[in-house]
Amino acid sequence: QACSEAFADLPPQLRFELQLHMYLDLVGKSDLFRKTRPRVVRQIIMQLEDIIFLPGDWVARSGEIGDCMYFIVRGRCTVFA
């Protein structure tokens, strides 16, 4: 969210270019979106929000209905089944 807030005052085209530069490889080269049209990948990138989780934080709990997707940029996440 910090990046989203920092970008809020920028002109839309500059904000788009920065987000594209920061996240294109993350989204476009992921297994899920590798074969997706570039236009769709750009639309996904424009919807991304930065969220920081600290060690011990829960991202999701078993049984919860998911309504979003997470990309791990740095660090690791453990899945408990």
PDB file of N, CA and C in Angstrom:
ATOM      1  N   GLN A   1       0.813  -1.183   0.000  1.00  0.00           N
ATOM      2  CA  GLN A   1       0.000   0.000   0.000  1.00  0.00           C
ATOM      3  C   GLN A   1       0.861   1.254   0.000  1.00  0.00           C
ATOM      4  N   ALA A   2       2.044   1.149   0.514  1.00  0.00           N
ATOM      5  CA  ALA A   2       2.931   2.304   0.562  1.00  0.00           C
ATOM      6  C   ALA A   2       3.225   2.819  -0.838  1.00  0.00           C
ATOM      7  N   CYS A   3       3.494   1.916  -1.773  1.00  0.00           N
ATOM      8  CA  CYS A   3       3.758   2.339  -3.148  1.00  0.00           C
ATOM      9  C   CYS A   3       2.503   2.927  -3.770  1.00  0.00           C
ATOM     10  N   SER A   4       1.366   2.321  -3.513  1.00  0.00           N
ATOM     11  CA  SER A   4       0.116   2.830  -4.058  1.00  0.00           C
ATOM     12  C   SER A   4      -0.122   4.262  -3.604  1.00  0.00           C
ATOM     13  N   GLU A   5       0.139   4.546  -2.342  1.00  0.00           N
ATOM     14  CA  GLU A   5      -0.041   5.900  -1.815  1.00  0.00           C
ATOM     15  C   GLU A   5       0.988   6.858  -2.400  1.00  0.00           C
ATOM     16  N   ALA A   6       2.213   6.391  -2.560  1.00  0.00           N
ATOM     17  CA  ALA A   6       3.265   7.239  -3.121  1.00  0.00           C
ATOM     18  C   ALA A   6       2.974   7.582  -4.576  1.00  0.00           C
ATOM     19  N   PHE A   7       2.343   6.671  -5.296  1.00  0.00           N
ATOM     20  CA  PHE A   7       2.033   6.882  -6.708  1.00  0.00           C
ATOM     21  C   PHE A   7       0.753   7.679  -6.921  1.00  0.00           C
ATOM     22  N   ALA A   8      -0.043   7.837  -5.889  1.00  0.00           N
ATOM     23  CA  ALA A   8      -1.375   8.438  -6.030  1.00  0.00           C
ATOM     24  C   ALA A   8      -1.354   9.831  -6.646  1.00  0.00           C
ATOM     25  N   ASP A   9      -0.334  10.628  -6.352  1.00  0.00           N
ATOM     26  CA  ASP A   9      -0.289  12.000  -6.852  1.00  0.00           C
ATOM     27  C   ASP A   9       0.386  12.136  -8.213  1.00  0.00           C
ATOM     28  N   LEU A  10       0.892  11.042  -8.733  1.00  0.00           N
ATOM     29  CA  LEU A  10       1.565  11.093 -10.032  1.00  0.00           C
ATOM     30  C   LEU A  10       0.544  11.129 -11.167  1.00  0.00           C
ATOM     31  N   PRO A  11       0.939  11.694 -12.299  1.00  0.00           N
ATOM     32  CA  PRO A  11       0.050  11.631 -13.476  1.00  0.00           C
ATOM     33  C   PRO A  11      -0.232  10.167 -13.824  1.00  0.00           C
ATOM     34  N   PRO A  12      -1.437   9.865 -14.290  1.00  0.00           N
ATOM     35  CA  PRO A  12      -1.817   8.466 -14.570  1.00  0.00           C
ATOM     36  C   PRO A  12      -0.840   7.714 -15.472  1.00  0.00           C
ATOM     37  N   GLN A  13      -0.336   8.350 -16.513  1.00  0.00           N
ATOM     38  CA  GLN A  13       0.573   7.657 -17.427  1.00  0.00           C
ATOM     39  C   GLN A  13       1.885   7.297 -16.736  1.00  0.00           C
ATOM     40  N   LEU A  14       2.414   8.197 -15.938  1.00  0.00           N
ATOM     41  CA  LEU A  14       3.648   7.912 -15.203  1.00  0.00           C
ATOM     42  C   LEU A  14       3.423   6.812 -14.167  1.00  0.00           C
ATOM     43  N   ARG A  15       2.292   6.848 -13.478  1.00  0.00           N
ATOM     44  CA  ARG A  15       1.947   5.812 -12.500  1.00  0.00           C
ATOM     45  C   ARG A  15       1.867   4.453 -13.196  1.00  0.00           C
ATOM     46  N   PHE A  16       1.227   4.418 -14.368  1.00  0.00           N
ATOM     47  CA  PHE A  16       1.125   3.180 -15.144  1.00  0.00           C
ATOM     48  C   PHE A  16       2.501   2.655 -15.529  1.00  0.00           C
ATOM     49  N   GLU A  17       3.365   3.532 -16.032  1.00  0.00           N
ATOM     50  CA  GLU A  17       4.705   3.119 -16.448  1.00  0.00           C
ATOM     51  C   GLU A  17       5.517   2.571 -15.275  1.00  0.00           C
ATOM     52  N   LEU A  18       5.423   3.200 -14.116  1.00  0.00           N
ATOM     53  CA  LEU A  18       6.143   2.720 -12.933  1.00  0.00           C
ATOM     54  C   LEU A  18       5.640   1.353 -12.488  1.00  0.00           C
ATOM     55  N   GLN A  19       4.338   1.191 -12.435  1.00  0.00           N
ATOM     56  CA  GLN A  19       3.784  -0.103 -12.028  1.00  0.00           C
ATOM     57  C   GLN A  19       4.156  -1.187 -13.029  1.00  0.00           C
ATOM     58  N   LEU A  20       4.108  -0.860 -14.300  1.00  0.00           N
ATOM     59  CA  LEU A  20       4.470  -1.825 -15.334  1.00  0.00           C
ATOM     60  C   LEU A  20       5.933  -2.242 -15.174  1.00  0.00           C
ATOM     61  N   HIS A  21       6.805  -1.279 -14.951  1.00  0.00           N
ATOM     62  CA  HIS A  21       8.226  -1.582 -14.768  1.00  0.00           C
ATOM     63  C   HIS A  21       8.460  -2.460 -13.531  1.00  0.00           C
ATOM     64  N   MET A  22       7.756  -2.154 -12.455  1.00  0.00           N
ATOM     65  CA  MET A  22       7.970  -2.879 -11.200  1.00  0.00           C
ATOM     66  C   MET A  22       7.415  -4.302 -11.220  1.00  0.00           C
ATOM     67  N   TYR A  23       6.304  -4.528 -11.920  1.00  0.00           N
ATOM     68  CA  TYR A  23       5.596  -5.797 -11.769  1.00  0.00           C
ATOM     69  C   TYR A  23       5.452  -6.640 -13.035  1.00  0.00           C
ATOM     70  N   LEU A  24       5.932  -6.171 -14.169  1.00  0.00           N
ATOM     71  CA  LEU A  24       5.738  -6.924 -15.409  1.00  0.00           C
ATOM     72  C   LEU A  24       6.331  -8.325 -15.340  1.00  0.00           C
ATOM     73  N   ASP A  25       7.575  -8.448 -14.894  1.00  0.00           N
ATOM     74  CA  ASP A  25       8.185  -9.779 -14.807  1.00  0.00           C
ATOM     75  C   ASP A  25       7.479 -10.649 -13.782  1.00  0.00           C
ATOM     76  N   LEU A  26       7.108 -10.073 -12.667  1.00  0.00           N
ATOM     77  CA  LEU A  26       6.443 -10.823 -11.603  1.00  0.00           C
ATOM     78  C   LEU A  26       5.170 -11.487 -12.114  1.00  0.00           C
ATOM     79  N   VAL A  27       4.345 -10.741 -12.825  1.00  0.00           N
ATOM     80  CA  VAL A  27       3.074 -11.268 -13.313  1.00  0.00           C
ATOM     81  C   VAL A  27       3.254 -12.001 -14.635  1.00  0.00           C
ATOM     82  N   GLY A  28       3.906 -11.359 -15.583  1.00  0.00           N
ATOM     83  CA  GLY A  28       4.008 -11.906 -16.931  1.00  0.00           C
ATOM     84  C   GLY A  28       4.789 -13.203 -17.041  1.00  0.00           C
ATOM     85  N   LYS A  29       5.728 -13.433 -16.146  1.00  0.00           N
ATOM     86  CA  LYS A  29       6.530 -14.660 -16.215  1.00  0.00           C
ATOM     87  C   LYS A  29       6.059 -15.736 -15.241  1.00  0.00           C
ATOM     88  N   SER A  30       4.979 -15.468 -14.512  1.00  0.00           N
ATOM     89  CA  SER A  30       4.447 -16.489 -13.609  1.00  0.00           C
ATOM     90  C   SER A  30       3.796 -17.595 -14.440  1.00  0.00           C
ATOM     91  N   ASP A  31       3.804 -18.813 -13.935  1.00  0.00           N
ATOM     92  CA  ASP A  31       3.221 -19.939 -14.670  1.00  0.00           C
ATOM     93  C   ASP A  31       1.763 -19.685 -15.044  1.00  0.00           C
ATOM     94  N   LEU A  32       1.037 -19.055 -14.163  1.00  0.00           N
ATOM     95  CA  LEU A  32      -0.386 -18.821 -14.380  1.00  0.00           C
ATOM     96  C   LEU A  32      -0.663 -17.855 -15.533  1.00  0.00           C
ATOM     97  N   PHE A  33       0.183 -16.839 -15.699  1.00  0.00           N
ATOM     98  CA  PHE A  33      -0.089 -15.793 -16.691  1.00  0.00           C
ATOM     99  C   PHE A  33       0.907 -15.738 -17.842  1.00  0.00           C
ATOM    100  N   ARG A  34       1.803 -16.700 -17.930  1.00  0.00           N
ATOM    101  CA  ARG A  34       2.844 -16.686 -18.959  1.00  0.00           C
ATOM    102  C   ARG A  34       2.283 -16.617 -20.378  1.00  0.00           C
ATOM    103  N   LYS A  35       1.174 -17.282 -20.634  1.00  0.00           N
ATOM    104  CA  LYS A  35       0.593 -17.314 -21.985  1.00  0.00           C
ATOM    105  C   LYS A  35      -0.572 -16.341 -22.154  1.00  0.00           C
ATOM    106  N   THR A  36      -0.736 -15.468 -21.195  1.00  0.00           N
ATOM    107  CA  THR A  36      -1.822 -14.492 -21.231  1.00  0.00           C
ATOM    108  C   THR A  36      -1.440 -13.319 -22.126  1.00  0.00           C
ATOM    109  N   ARG A  37      -2.416 -12.761 -22.805  1.00  0.00           N
ATOM    110  CA  ARG A  37      -2.153 -11.612 -23.683  1.00  0.00           C
ATOM    111  C   ARG A  37      -1.574 -10.444 -22.886  1.00  0.00           C
ATOM    112  N   PRO A  38      -0.613  -9.729 -23.482  1.00  0.00           N
ATOM    113  CA  PRO A  38       0.000  -8.594 -22.793  1.00  0.00           C
ATOM    114  C   PRO A  38      -1.008  -7.565 -22.277  1.00  0.00           C
ATOM    115  N   ARG A  39      -2.062  -7.340 -23.015  1.00  0.00           N
ATOM    116  CA  ARG A  39      -3.075  -6.373 -22.579  1.00  0.00           C
ATOM    117  C   ARG A  39      -3.721  -6.799 -21.261  1.00  0.00           C
ATOM    118  N   VAL A  40      -3.993  -8.087 -21.128  1.00  0.00           N
ATOM    119  CA  VAL A  40      -4.602  -8.606 -19.903  1.00  0.00           C
ATOM    120  C   VAL A  40      -3.610  -8.521 -18.746  1.00  0.00           C
ATOM    121  N   VAL A  41      -2.344  -8.839 -19.017  1.00  0.00           N
ATOM    122  CA  VAL A  41      -1.308  -8.739 -17.979  1.00  0.00           C
ATOM    123  C   VAL A  41      -1.210  -7.294 -17.490  1.00  0.00           C
ATOM    124  N   ARG A  42      -1.249  -6.338 -18.406  1.00  0.00           N
ATOM    125  CA  ARG A  42      -1.212  -4.926 -18.005  1.00  0.00           C
ATOM    126  C   ARG A  42      -2.411  -4.558 -17.138  1.00  0.00           C
ATOM    127  N   GLN A  43      -3.579  -5.081 -17.476  1.00  0.00           N
ATOM    128  CA  GLN A  43      -4.770  -4.799 -16.672  1.00  0.00           C
ATOM    129  C   GLN A  43      -4.641  -5.387 -15.272  1.00  0.00           C
ATOM    130  N   ILE A  44      -4.061  -6.572 -15.166  1.00  0.00           N
ATOM    131  CA  ILE A  44      -3.836  -7.195 -13.864  1.00  0.00           C
ATOM    132  C   ILE A  44      -2.865  -6.333 -13.046  1.00  0.00           C
ATOM    133  N   ILE A  45      -1.790  -5.900 -13.679  1.00  0.00           N
ATOM    134  CA  ILE A  45      -0.784  -5.083 -12.986  1.00  0.00           C
ATOM    135  C   ILE A  45      -1.407  -3.811 -12.433  1.00  0.00           C
ATOM    136  N   MET A  46      -2.301  -3.210 -13.154  1.00  0.00           N
ATOM    137  CA  MET A  46      -2.925  -1.968 -12.693  1.00  0.00           C
ATOM    138  C   MET A  46      -3.828  -2.194 -11.476  1.00  0.00           C
ATOM    139  N   GLN A  47      -4.223  -3.430 -11.215  1.00  0.00           N
ATOM    140  CA  GLN A  47      -5.079  -3.735 -10.069  1.00  0.00           C
ATOM    141  C   GLN A  47      -4.288  -4.146  -8.828  1.00  0.00           C
ATOM    142  N   LEU A  48      -2.979  -4.338  -8.974  1.00  0.00           N
ATOM    143  CA  LEU A  48      -2.173  -4.809  -7.849  1.00  0.00           C
ATOM    144  C   LEU A  48      -2.089  -3.769  -6.739  1.00  0.00           C
ATOM    145  N   GLU A  49      -2.060  -4.258  -5.521  1.00  0.00           N
ATOM    146  CA  GLU A  49      -1.853  -3.425  -4.336  1.00  0.00           C
ATOM    147  C   GLU A  49      -0.699  -4.028  -3.538  1.00  0.00           C
ATOM    148  N   ASP A  50       0.154  -3.190  -3.022  1.00  0.00           N
ATOM    149  CA  ASP A  50       1.268  -3.665  -2.197  1.00  0.00           C
ATOM    150  C   ASP A  50       0.775  -3.919  -0.776  1.00  0.00           C
ATOM    151  N   ILE A  51       1.073  -5.101  -0.260  1.00  0.00           N
ATOM    152  CA  ILE A  51       0.723  -5.453   1.117  1.00  0.00           C
ATOM    153  C   ILE A  51       1.953  -6.095   1.745  1.00  0.00           C
ATOM    154  N   ILE A  52       2.264  -5.705   2.950  1.00  0.00           N
ATOM    155  CA  ILE A  52       3.422  -6.266   3.655  1.00  0.00           C
ATOM    156  C   ILE A  52       2.923  -7.147   4.795  1.00  0.00           C
ATOM    157  N   PHE A  53       3.434  -8.359   4.835  1.00  0.00           N
ATOM    158  CA  PHE A  53       3.147  -9.275   5.937  1.00  0.00           C
ATOM    159  C   PHE A  53       4.433  -9.493   6.717  1.00  0.00           C
ATOM    160  N   LEU A  54       4.322  -9.575   8.006  1.00  0.00           N
ATOM    161  CA  LEU A  54       5.471  -9.811   8.876  1.00  0.00           C
ATOM    162  C   LEU A  54       5.526 -11.275   9.289  1.00  0.00           C
ATOM    163  N   PRO A  55       6.684 -11.754   9.749  1.00  0.00           N
ATOM    164  CA  PRO A  55       6.768 -13.140  10.215  1.00  0.00           C
ATOM    165  C   PRO A  55       5.687 -13.418  11.257  1.00  0.00           C
ATOM    166  N   GLY A  56       5.001 -14.532  11.082  1.00  0.00           N
ATOM    167  CA  GLY A  56       3.938 -14.918  12.003  1.00  0.00           C
ATOM    168  C   GLY A  56       2.559 -14.451  11.573  1.00  0.00           C
ATOM    169  N   ASP A  57       2.476 -13.537  10.600  1.00  0.00           N
ATOM    170  CA  ASP A  57       1.168 -13.092  10.099  1.00  0.00           C
ATOM    171  C   ASP A  57       0.505 -14.210   9.294  1.00  0.00           C
ATOM    172  N   TRP A  58      -0.807 -14.269   9.367  1.00  0.00           N
ATOM    173  CA  TRP A  58      -1.586 -15.196   8.564  1.00  0.00           C
ATOM    174  C   TRP A  58      -2.051 -14.471   7.303  1.00  0.00           C
ATOM    175  N   VAL A  59      -1.800 -15.061   6.143  1.00  0.00           N
ATOM    176  CA  VAL A  59      -2.269 -14.494   4.880  1.00  0.00           C
ATOM    177  C   VAL A  59      -3.698 -14.961   4.635  1.00  0.00           C
ATOM    178  N   ALA A  60      -3.951 -16.217   4.898  1.00  0.00           N
ATOM    179  CA  ALA A  60      -5.286 -16.806   4.759  1.00  0.00           C
ATOM    180  C   ALA A  60      -5.366 -17.997   5.705  1.00  0.00           C
ATOM    181  N   ARG A  61      -6.575 -18.345   6.076  1.00  0.00           N
ATOM    182  CA  ARG A  61      -6.785 -19.500   6.949  1.00  0.00           C
ATOM    183  C   ARG A  61      -7.614 -20.562   6.235  1.00  0.00           C
ATOM    184  N   SER A  62      -7.351 -21.795   6.574  1.00  0.00           N
ATOM    185  CA  SER A  62      -8.077 -22.912   5.980  1.00  0.00           C
ATOM    186  C   SER A  62      -9.577 -22.726   6.180  1.00  0.00           C
ATOM    187  N   GLY A  63     -10.326 -22.934   5.103  1.00  0.00           N
ATOM    188  CA  GLY A  63     -11.776 -22.820   5.173  1.00  0.00           C
ATOM    189  C   GLY A  63     -12.307 -21.451   4.791  1.00  0.00           C
ATOM    190  N   GLU A  64     -11.440 -20.445   4.755  1.00  0.00           N
ATOM    191  CA  GLU A  64     -11.872 -19.110   4.353  1.00  0.00           C
ATOM    192  C   GLU A  64     -12.108 -19.074   2.840  1.00  0.00           C
ATOM    193  N   ILE A  65     -13.080 -18.302   2.436  1.00  0.00           N
ATOM    194  CA  ILE A  65     -13.339 -18.126   1.015  1.00  0.00           C
ATOM    195  C   ILE A  65     -12.350 -17.093   0.486  1.00  0.00           C
ATOM    196  N   GLY A  66     -11.605 -17.449  -0.535  1.00  0.00           N
ATOM    197  CA  GLY A  66     -10.616 -16.539  -1.104  1.00  0.00           C
ATOM    198  C   GLY A  66     -11.267 -15.551  -2.061  1.00  0.00           C
ATOM    199  N   ASP A  67     -10.844 -14.313  -1.978  1.00  0.00           N
ATOM    200  CA  ASP A  67     -11.365 -13.298  -2.887  1.00  0.00           C
ATOM    201  C   ASP A  67     -10.244 -12.484  -3.533  1.00  0.00           C
ATOM    202  N   CYS A  68      -9.004 -12.992  -3.417  1.00  0.00           N
ATOM    203  CA  CYS A  68      -7.878 -12.277  -4.016  1.00  0.00           C
ATOM    204  C   CYS A  68      -6.730 -13.256  -4.264  1.00  0.00           C
ATOM    205  N   MET A  69      -5.691 -12.742  -4.885  1.00  0.00           N
ATOM    206  CA  MET A  69      -4.502 -13.535  -5.208  1.00  0.00           C
ATOM    207  C   MET A  69      -3.288 -12.780  -4.679  1.00  0.00           C
ATOM    208  N   TYR A  70      -2.286 -13.507  -4.219  1.00  0.00           N
ATOM    209  CA  TYR A  70      -1.070 -12.891  -3.702  1.00  0.00           C
ATOM    210  C   TYR A  70       0.125 -13.333  -4.536  1.00  0.00           C
ATOM    211  N   PHE A  71       1.037 -12.398  -4.803  1.00  0.00           N
ATOM    212  CA  PHE A  71       2.329 -12.690  -5.406  1.00  0.00           C
ATOM    213  C   PHE A  71       3.367 -12.413  -4.328  1.00  0.00           C
ATOM    214  N   ILE A  72       4.227 -13.367  -4.077  1.00  0.00           N
ATOM    215  CA  ILE A  72       5.280 -13.165  -3.084  1.00  0.00           C
ATOM    216  C   ILE A  72       6.486 -12.582  -3.808  1.00  0.00           C
ATOM    217  N   VAL A  73       6.830 -11.354  -3.480  1.00  0.00           N
ATOM    218  CA  VAL A  73       7.937 -10.665  -4.125  1.00  0.00           C
ATOM    219  C   VAL A  73       9.252 -11.006  -3.434  1.00  0.00           C
ATOM    220  N   ARG A  74       9.221 -11.028  -2.106  1.00  0.00           N
ATOM    221  CA  ARG A  74      10.434 -11.317  -1.343  1.00  0.00           C
ATOM    222  C   ARG A  74      10.029 -12.048  -0.076  1.00  0.00           C
ATOM    223  N   GLY A  75      10.825 -13.011   0.310  1.00  0.00           N
ATOM    224  CA  GLY A  75      10.529 -13.778   1.513  1.00  0.00           C
ATOM    225  C   GLY A  75       9.931 -15.122   1.158  1.00  0.00           C
ATOM    226  N   ARG A  76       9.253 -15.692   2.122  1.00  0.00           N
ATOM    227  CA  ARG A  76       8.655 -17.003   1.902  1.00  0.00           C
ATOM    228  C   ARG A  76       7.357 -17.115   2.673  1.00  0.00           C
ATOM    229  N   CYS A  77       6.584 -18.081   2.280  1.00  0.00           N
ATOM    230  CA  CYS A  77       5.281 -18.300   2.899  1.00  0.00           C
ATOM    231  C   CYS A  77       5.124 -19.808   3.101  1.00  0.00           C
ATOM    232  N   THR A  78       4.666 -20.195   4.254  1.00  0.00           N
ATOM    233  CA  THR A  78       4.461 -21.608   4.560  1.00  0.00           C
ATOM    234  C   THR A  78       2.980 -21.922   4.482  1.00  0.00           C
ATOM    235  N   VAL A  79       2.682 -23.079   3.889  1.00  0.00           N
ATOM    236  CA  VAL A  79       1.292 -23.535   3.792  1.00  0.00           C
ATOM    237  C   VAL A  79       1.101 -24.680   4.757  1.00  0.00           C
ATOM    238  N   PHE A  80       0.141 -24.542   5.647  1.00  0.00           N
ATOM    239  CA  PHE A  80      -0.214 -25.613   6.584  1.00  0.00           C
ATOM    240  C   PHE A  80      -1.493 -26.268   6.093  1.00  0.00           C
ATOM    241  N   ALA A  81      -1.473 -27.579   6.007  1.00  0.00           N
ATOM    242  CA  ALA A  81      -2.668 -28.287   5.531  1.00  0.00           C
ATOM    243  C   ALA A  81      -3.289 -29.099   6.655  1.00  0.00           C
TER     244      ALA A  81
END
